[in-house]
Amino acid sequence: MNSIGIVRKVDELGRIVIPKETRSQLNVNEGDSLEIFIDEVESHIVLRKYAPGCTFCNSLSDITYFKGVRVCKHCKEELQDTVK
């Protein structure tokens, strides 16, 4: 993880402002959801643009939908194997 050299203060409501350049670089737009991760060992807070993953394993790659449920390729194959 690299520092981009920008420091922001937390306001009285606990908010911070993510610079426009950073939002543009990461394709984060008004109304987008961000996921918050905490690394207590390193005292890091990590923000990631939220993308719903596989319903079964939370993987974000190779997502398809089956009857409205998000399923990754790996879990889809496992499900197909159990049906055979």
C-alpha atoms as a PDB file:
ATOM      1  CA  MET A   1       0.000   0.000   0.000  1.00  0.00           C
ATOM      2  CA  ASN A   2       1.489   3.317  -1.086  1.00  0.00           C
ATOM      3  CA  SER A   3       0.912   6.741   0.429  1.00  0.00           C
ATOM      4  CA  ILE A   4      -0.171   9.387  -2.078  1.00  0.00           C
ATOM      5  CA  GLY A   5       1.037  12.180   0.188  1.00  0.00           C
ATOM      6  CA  ILE A   6      -2.378  13.617   1.020  1.00  0.00           C
ATOM      7  CA  VAL A   7      -3.506  14.097   4.628  1.00  0.00           C
ATOM      8  CA  ARG A   8      -7.107  14.810   5.594  1.00  0.00           C
ATOM      9  CA  LYS A   9      -8.645  15.691   8.960  1.00  0.00           C
ATOM     10  CA  VAL A  10     -11.689  13.884  10.324  1.00  0.00           C
ATOM     11  CA  ASP A  11     -14.583  16.296  10.967  1.00  0.00           C
ATOM     12  CA  GLU A  12     -16.872  16.359  14.017  1.00  0.00           C
ATOM     13  CA  LEU A  13     -19.191  13.787  12.381  1.00  0.00           C
ATOM     14  CA  GLY A  14     -16.340  11.370  11.602  1.00  0.00           C
ATOM     15  CA  ARG A  15     -16.222  12.204   7.887  1.00  0.00           C
ATOM     16  CA  ILE A  16     -13.224  12.647   5.624  1.00  0.00           C
ATOM     17  CA  VAL A  17     -13.088  14.060   2.114  1.00  0.00           C
ATOM     18  CA  ILE A  18     -11.542  11.885  -0.592  1.00  0.00           C
ATOM     19  CA  PRO A  19      -9.859  14.220  -3.102  1.00  0.00           C
ATOM     20  CA  LYS A  20     -11.532  14.485  -6.512  1.00  0.00           C
ATOM     21  CA  GLU A  21      -8.353  13.356  -8.286  1.00  0.00           C
ATOM     22  CA  THR A  22      -8.263  10.186  -6.177  1.00  0.00           C
ATOM     23  CA  ARG A  23     -11.970   9.485  -6.749  1.00  0.00           C
ATOM     24  CA  SER A  24     -11.527   9.968 -10.493  1.00  0.00           C
ATOM     25  CA  GLN A  25      -8.453   7.742 -10.577  1.00  0.00           C
ATOM     26  CA  LEU A  26     -10.370   4.934  -8.819  1.00  0.00           C
ATOM     27  CA  ASN A  27     -13.676   5.561 -10.666  1.00  0.00           C
ATOM     28  CA  VAL A  28     -15.534   6.361  -7.429  1.00  0.00           C
ATOM     29  CA  ASN A  29     -18.552   8.524  -8.187  1.00  0.00           C
ATOM     30  CA  GLU A  30     -21.191  10.295  -6.113  1.00  0.00           C
ATOM     31  CA  GLY A  31     -23.615   7.700  -4.787  1.00  0.00           C
ATOM     32  CA  ASP A  32     -21.184   4.767  -5.072  1.00  0.00           C
ATOM     33  CA  SER A  33     -20.875   2.499  -2.054  1.00  0.00           C
ATOM     34  CA  LEU A  34     -17.519   1.898  -0.400  1.00  0.00           C
ATOM     35  CA  GLU A  35     -16.629  -1.107   1.719  1.00  0.00           C
ATOM     36  CA  ILE A  36     -14.627  -0.435   4.896  1.00  0.00           C
ATOM     37  CA  PHE A  37     -11.940  -2.840   6.104  1.00  0.00           C
ATOM     38  CA  ILE A  38      -9.946  -2.510   9.321  1.00  0.00           C
ATOM     39  CA  ASP A  39      -6.492  -3.989   9.932  1.00  0.00           C
ATOM     40  CA  GLU A  40      -6.172  -3.729  13.707  1.00  0.00           C
ATOM     41  CA  VAL A  41      -2.606  -5.075  13.714  1.00  0.00           C
ATOM     42  CA  GLU A  42      -1.315  -2.367  11.360  1.00  0.00           C
ATOM     43  CA  SER A  43      -3.909   0.262  12.437  1.00  0.00           C
ATOM     44  CA  HIS A  44      -5.048   0.718   8.824  1.00  0.00           C
ATOM     45  CA  ILE A  45      -8.452   1.611   7.476  1.00  0.00           C
ATOM     46  CA  VAL A  46      -8.936   0.504   3.870  1.00  0.00           C
ATOM     47  CA  LEU A  47     -11.751   1.667   1.600  1.00  0.00           C
ATOM     48  CA  ARG A  48     -12.718  -0.326  -1.477  1.00  0.00           C
ATOM     49  CA  LYS A  49     -15.417   0.401  -4.020  1.00  0.00           C
ATOM     50  CA  TYR A  50     -18.180  -2.042  -3.177  1.00  0.00           C
ATOM     51  CA  ALA A  51     -18.926  -4.748  -5.700  1.00  0.00           C
ATOM     52  CA  PRO A  52     -21.238  -7.550  -4.622  1.00  0.00           C
ATOM     53  CA  GLY A  53     -19.481 -10.890  -4.909  1.00  0.00           C
ATOM     54  CA  CYS A  54     -20.514 -14.513  -5.133  1.00  0.00           C
ATOM     55  CA  THR A  55     -23.326 -15.370  -2.728  1.00  0.00           C
ATOM     56  CA  PHE A  56     -21.416 -18.450  -1.560  1.00  0.00           C
ATOM     57  CA  CYS A  57     -17.730 -17.406  -1.379  1.00  0.00           C
ATOM     58  CA  ASN A  58     -17.736 -13.595  -1.962  1.00  0.00           C
ATOM     59  CA  SER A  59     -15.378 -13.930  -4.937  1.00  0.00           C
ATOM     60  CA  LEU A  60     -15.507 -10.931  -7.261  1.00  0.00           C
ATOM     61  CA  SER A  61     -14.329 -12.706 -10.419  1.00  0.00           C
ATOM     62  CA  ASP A  62     -16.366 -14.487 -13.094  1.00  0.00           C
ATOM     63  CA  ILE A  63     -19.743 -13.571 -11.562  1.00  0.00           C
ATOM     64  CA  THR A  64     -22.920 -14.729 -13.286  1.00  0.00           C
ATOM     65  CA  TYR A  65     -26.512 -14.782 -12.100  1.00  0.00           C
ATOM     66  CA  PHE A  66     -28.713 -17.817 -11.551  1.00  0.00           C
ATOM     67  CA  LYS A  67     -32.331 -17.024 -10.659  1.00  0.00           C
ATOM     68  CA  GLY A  68     -31.232 -13.642  -9.297  1.00  0.00           C
ATOM     69  CA  VAL A  69     -28.386 -15.064  -7.184  1.00  0.00           C
ATOM     70  CA  ARG A  70     -24.754 -14.029  -7.793  1.00  0.00           C
ATOM     71  CA  VAL A  71     -22.573 -17.117  -8.377  1.00  0.00           C
ATOM     72  CA  CYS A  72     -18.893 -17.267  -9.378  1.00  0.00           C
ATOM     73  CA  LYS A  73     -17.597 -19.765 -11.943  1.00  0.00           C
ATOM     74  CA  HIS A  74     -15.973 -21.977  -9.286  1.00  0.00           C
ATOM     75  CA  CYS A  75     -19.093 -22.252  -7.106  1.00  0.00           C
ATOM     76  CA  LYS A  76     -21.257 -22.788 -10.192  1.00  0.00           C
ATOM     77  CA  GLU A  77     -19.068 -25.755 -11.158  1.00  0.00           C
ATOM     78  CA  GLU A  78     -19.246 -27.137  -7.607  1.00  0.00           C
ATOM     79  CA  LEU A  79     -23.027 -26.818  -7.608  1.00  0.00           C
ATOM     80  CA  GLN A  80     -23.262 -28.552 -10.979  1.00  0.00           C
ATOM     81  CA  ASP A  81     -21.062 -31.409  -9.683  1.00  0.00           C
ATOM     82  CA  THR A  82     -23.347 -31.981  -6.690  1.00  0.00           C
ATOM     83  CA  VAL A  83     -26.409 -32.196  -8.950  1.00  0.00           C
ATOM     84  CA  LYS A  84     -24.876 -34.876 -11.223  1.00  0.00           C
END
